[in-house]
């Protein structure tokens, strides 16, 4: 098997960088029911998985933990006709909506001061 040339490596570098930059889950703060704040987390891509969504939720909420309000995922196929033939690829969609839990002080959780 032939070793890659310097030209081969230079042409592969941009592809590698794009994959590296897109290899993480993204999130955005959103409004949820009753004026509360929540987060929409997206980890869609063939090279990502649900663990990245859970990891992102853990980073957002920290020790408080989180509650999953909605979770959607699926696989589809994208097919397009181009000048030189037909192009197809799989498309994975993974997203979830979470809210961070509110930790109450131990005293507030005790009923009647017992």
C-alpha atoms as a PDB file:
ATOM      1  CA  UNK A   1       0.000   0.000   0.000  1.00  0.00           C
ATOM      2  CA  UNK A   2       1.415   3.390  -1.011  1.00  0.00           C
ATOM      3  CA  UNK A   3       2.053   6.041   1.613  1.00  0.00           C
ATOM      4  CA  UNK A   4      -0.031   9.228   1.334  1.00  0.00           C
ATOM      5  CA  UNK A   5       1.774  12.085  -0.334  1.00  0.00           C
ATOM      6  CA  UNK A   6       2.078  15.567   1.098  1.00  0.00           C
ATOM      7  CA  UNK A   7      -0.476  16.719  -1.467  1.00  0.00           C
ATOM      8  CA  UNK A   8      -2.934  14.045  -0.275  1.00  0.00           C
ATOM      9  CA  UNK A   9      -2.513  15.173   3.320  1.00  0.00           C
ATOM     10  CA  UNK A  10      -3.006  18.846   2.425  1.00  0.00           C
ATOM     11  CA  UNK A  11      -6.244  18.086   0.605  1.00  0.00           C
ATOM     12  CA  UNK A  12      -7.550  15.975   3.516  1.00  0.00           C
ATOM     13  CA  UNK A  13      -6.750  18.621   6.151  1.00  0.00           C
ATOM     14  CA  UNK A  14      -9.792  20.871   5.500  1.00  0.00           C
ATOM     15  CA  UNK A  15     -12.130  17.867   5.671  1.00  0.00           C
ATOM     16  CA  UNK A  16     -10.555  16.748   8.936  1.00  0.00           C
ATOM     17  CA  UNK A  17     -10.858  20.245  10.426  1.00  0.00           C
ATOM     18  CA  UNK A  18     -14.532  20.512   9.506  1.00  0.00           C
ATOM     19  CA  UNK A  19     -15.227  17.123  11.102  1.00  0.00           C
ATOM     20  CA  UNK A  20     -13.293  18.125  14.202  1.00  0.00           C
ATOM     21  CA  UNK A  21     -15.177  21.403  14.578  1.00  0.00           C
ATOM     22  CA  UNK A  22     -18.576  19.743  14.122  1.00  0.00           C
ATOM     23  CA  UNK A  23     -17.886  16.808  16.449  1.00  0.00           C
ATOM     24  CA  UNK A  24     -19.774  18.229  19.381  1.00  0.00           C
ATOM     25  CA  UNK A  25     -23.345  18.763  20.449  1.00  0.00           C
ATOM     26  CA  UNK A  26     -24.735  22.276  20.207  1.00  0.00           C
ATOM     27  CA  UNK A  27     -27.201  23.929  22.544  1.00  0.00           C
ATOM     28  CA  UNK A  28     -29.267  27.063  22.853  1.00  0.00           C
ATOM     29  CA  UNK A  29     -31.295  28.492  25.690  1.00  0.00           C
ATOM     30  CA  UNK A  30     -35.047  28.494  25.048  1.00  0.00           C
ATOM     31  CA  UNK A  31     -38.265  29.459  26.838  1.00  0.00           C
ATOM     32  CA  UNK A  32     -40.329  26.525  28.080  1.00  0.00           C
ATOM     33  CA  UNK A  33     -43.671  26.324  29.900  1.00  0.00           C
ATOM     34  CA  UNK A  34     -44.610  28.862  32.560  1.00  0.00           C
ATOM     35  CA  UNK A  35     -41.752  31.258  31.830  1.00  0.00           C
ATOM     36  CA  UNK A  36     -39.035  28.783  32.734  1.00  0.00           C
ATOM     37  CA  UNK A  37     -35.759  28.513  30.851  1.00  0.00           C
ATOM     38  CA  UNK A  38     -34.742  25.310  29.133  1.00  0.00           C
ATOM     39  CA  UNK A  39     -32.192  24.169  26.607  1.00  0.00           C
ATOM     40  CA  UNK A  40     -32.468  22.666  23.168  1.00  0.00           C
ATOM     41  CA  UNK A  41     -29.532  20.323  22.536  1.00  0.00           C
ATOM     42  CA  UNK A  42     -28.697  19.003  19.077  1.00  0.00           C
ATOM     43  CA  UNK A  43     -26.285  16.132  18.423  1.00  0.00           C
ATOM     44  CA  UNK A  44     -27.285  15.288  14.856  1.00  0.00           C
ATOM     45  CA  UNK A  45     -24.671  13.811  12.552  1.00  0.00           C
ATOM     46  CA  UNK A  46     -23.517  10.368  11.549  1.00  0.00           C
ATOM     47  CA  UNK A  47     -20.376  10.611  13.673  1.00  0.00           C
ATOM     48  CA  UNK A  48     -22.212  11.807  16.836  1.00  0.00           C
ATOM     49  CA  UNK A  49     -24.346   9.832  19.281  1.00  0.00           C
ATOM     50  CA  UNK A  50     -26.728  10.342  22.190  1.00  0.00           C
ATOM     51  CA  UNK A  51     -23.899  10.319  24.717  1.00  0.00           C
ATOM     52  CA  UNK A  52     -22.819  13.749  23.434  1.00  0.00           C
ATOM     53  CA  UNK A  53     -26.314  15.140  24.094  1.00  0.00           C
ATOM     54  CA  UNK A  54     -26.234  13.798  27.658  1.00  0.00           C
ATOM     55  CA  UNK A  55     -22.704  15.104  28.180  1.00  0.00           C
ATOM     56  CA  UNK A  56     -23.739  18.581  26.989  1.00  0.00           C
ATOM     57  CA  UNK A  57     -26.798  18.542  29.286  1.00  0.00           C
ATOM     58  CA  UNK A  58     -24.561  17.597  32.208  1.00  0.00           C
ATOM     59  CA  UNK A  59     -22.185  20.456  31.453  1.00  0.00           C
ATOM     60  CA  UNK A  60     -25.058  22.940  31.224  1.00  0.00           C
ATOM     61  CA  UNK A  61     -26.799  21.930  34.463  1.00  0.00           C
ATOM     62  CA  UNK A  62     -23.845  20.719  36.516  1.00  0.00           C
ATOM     63  CA  UNK A  63     -24.509  19.155  39.926  1.00  0.00           C
ATOM     64  CA  UNK A  64     -28.206  20.115  39.819  1.00  0.00           C
ATOM     65  CA  UNK A  65     -28.850  17.515  37.149  1.00  0.00           C
ATOM     66  CA  UNK A  66     -31.461  17.794  34.421  1.00  0.00           C
ATOM     67  CA  UNK A  67     -34.852  16.565  33.329  1.00  0.00           C
ATOM     68  CA  UNK A  68     -35.523  15.570  29.715  1.00  0.00           C
ATOM     69  CA  UNK A  69     -38.719  17.236  28.488  1.00  0.00           C
ATOM     70  CA  UNK A  70     -38.587  15.963  24.909  1.00  0.00           C
ATOM     71  CA  UNK A  71     -36.289  13.699  22.934  1.00  0.00           C
ATOM     72  CA  UNK A  72     -36.453  13.007  19.222  1.00  0.00           C
ATOM     73  CA  UNK A  73     -34.249  10.966  16.971  1.00  0.00           C
ATOM     74  CA  UNK A  74     -34.372   9.193  13.695  1.00  0.00           C
ATOM     75  CA  UNK A  75     -32.518   8.206  10.603  1.00  0.00           C
ATOM     76  CA  UNK A  76     -33.485   9.228   7.112  1.00  0.00           C
ATOM     77  CA  UNK A  77     -31.998   9.035   3.673  1.00  0.00           C
ATOM     78  CA  UNK A  78     -31.205  12.052   1.545  1.00  0.00           C
ATOM     79  CA  UNK A  79     -31.036  11.420  -2.205  1.00  0.00           C
ATOM     80  CA  UNK A  80     -30.313  14.100  -4.787  1.00  0.00           C
ATOM     81  CA  UNK A  81     -29.845  14.007  -8.523  1.00  0.00           C
ATOM     82  CA  UNK A  82     -26.826  15.908  -9.763  1.00  0.00           C
ATOM     83  CA  UNK A  83     -25.299  16.458 -13.173  1.00  0.00           C
ATOM     84  CA  UNK A  84     -23.063  13.403 -12.859  1.00  0.00           C
ATOM     85  CA  UNK A  85     -25.493  10.963 -11.271  1.00  0.00           C
ATOM     86  CA  UNK A  86     -27.374  10.352  -8.076  1.00  0.00           C
ATOM     87  CA  UNK A  87     -25.987  11.234  -4.663  1.00  0.00           C
ATOM     88  CA  UNK A  88     -27.284   9.702  -1.462  1.00  0.00           C
ATOM     89  CA  UNK A  89     -26.390   9.643   2.214  1.00  0.00           C
ATOM     90  CA  UNK A  90     -27.973   8.843   5.544  1.00  0.00           C
ATOM     91  CA  UNK A  91     -29.141  11.640   7.794  1.00  0.00           C
ATOM     92  CA  UNK A  92     -29.336  11.255  11.562  1.00  0.00           C
ATOM     93  CA  UNK A  93     -31.391  13.638  13.650  1.00  0.00           C
ATOM     94  CA  UNK A  94     -30.935  13.658  17.405  1.00  0.00           C
ATOM     95  CA  UNK A  95     -32.159  16.411  19.689  1.00  0.00           C
ATOM     96  CA  UNK A  96     -33.552  16.860  23.145  1.00  0.00           C
ATOM     97  CA  UNK A  97     -35.051  19.606  25.259  1.00  0.00           C
ATOM     98  CA  UNK A  98     -34.033  19.721  28.898  1.00  0.00           C
ATOM     99  CA  UNK A  99     -34.480  21.838  31.975  1.00  0.00           C
ATOM    100  CA  UNK A 100     -32.084  21.983  34.883  1.00  0.00           C
ATOM    101  CA  UNK A 101     -33.411  20.714  38.199  1.00  0.00           C
ATOM    102  CA  UNK A 102     -33.732  23.134  41.095  1.00  0.00           C
ATOM    103  CA  UNK A 103     -32.012  21.731  44.165  1.00  0.00           C
ATOM    104  CA  UNK A 104     -33.749  22.693  47.365  1.00  0.00           C
ATOM    105  CA  UNK A 105     -31.891  23.156  50.650  1.00  0.00           C
ATOM    106  CA  UNK A 106     -32.302  20.132  52.943  1.00  0.00           C
ATOM    107  CA  UNK A 107     -34.265  22.219  55.456  1.00  0.00           C
ATOM    108  CA  UNK A 108     -36.843  23.234  52.841  1.00  0.00           C
ATOM    109  CA  UNK A 109     -37.369  19.609  51.878  1.00  0.00           C
ATOM    110  CA  UNK A 110     -38.111  18.521  55.452  1.00  0.00           C
ATOM    111  CA  UNK A 111     -41.817  18.721  56.220  1.00  0.00           C
ATOM    112  CA  UNK A 112     -42.720  20.236  59.571  1.00  0.00           C
ATOM    113  CA  UNK A 113     -39.078  20.639  60.647  1.00  0.00           C
ATOM    114  CA  UNK A 114     -38.637  16.926  61.490  1.00  0.00           C
END
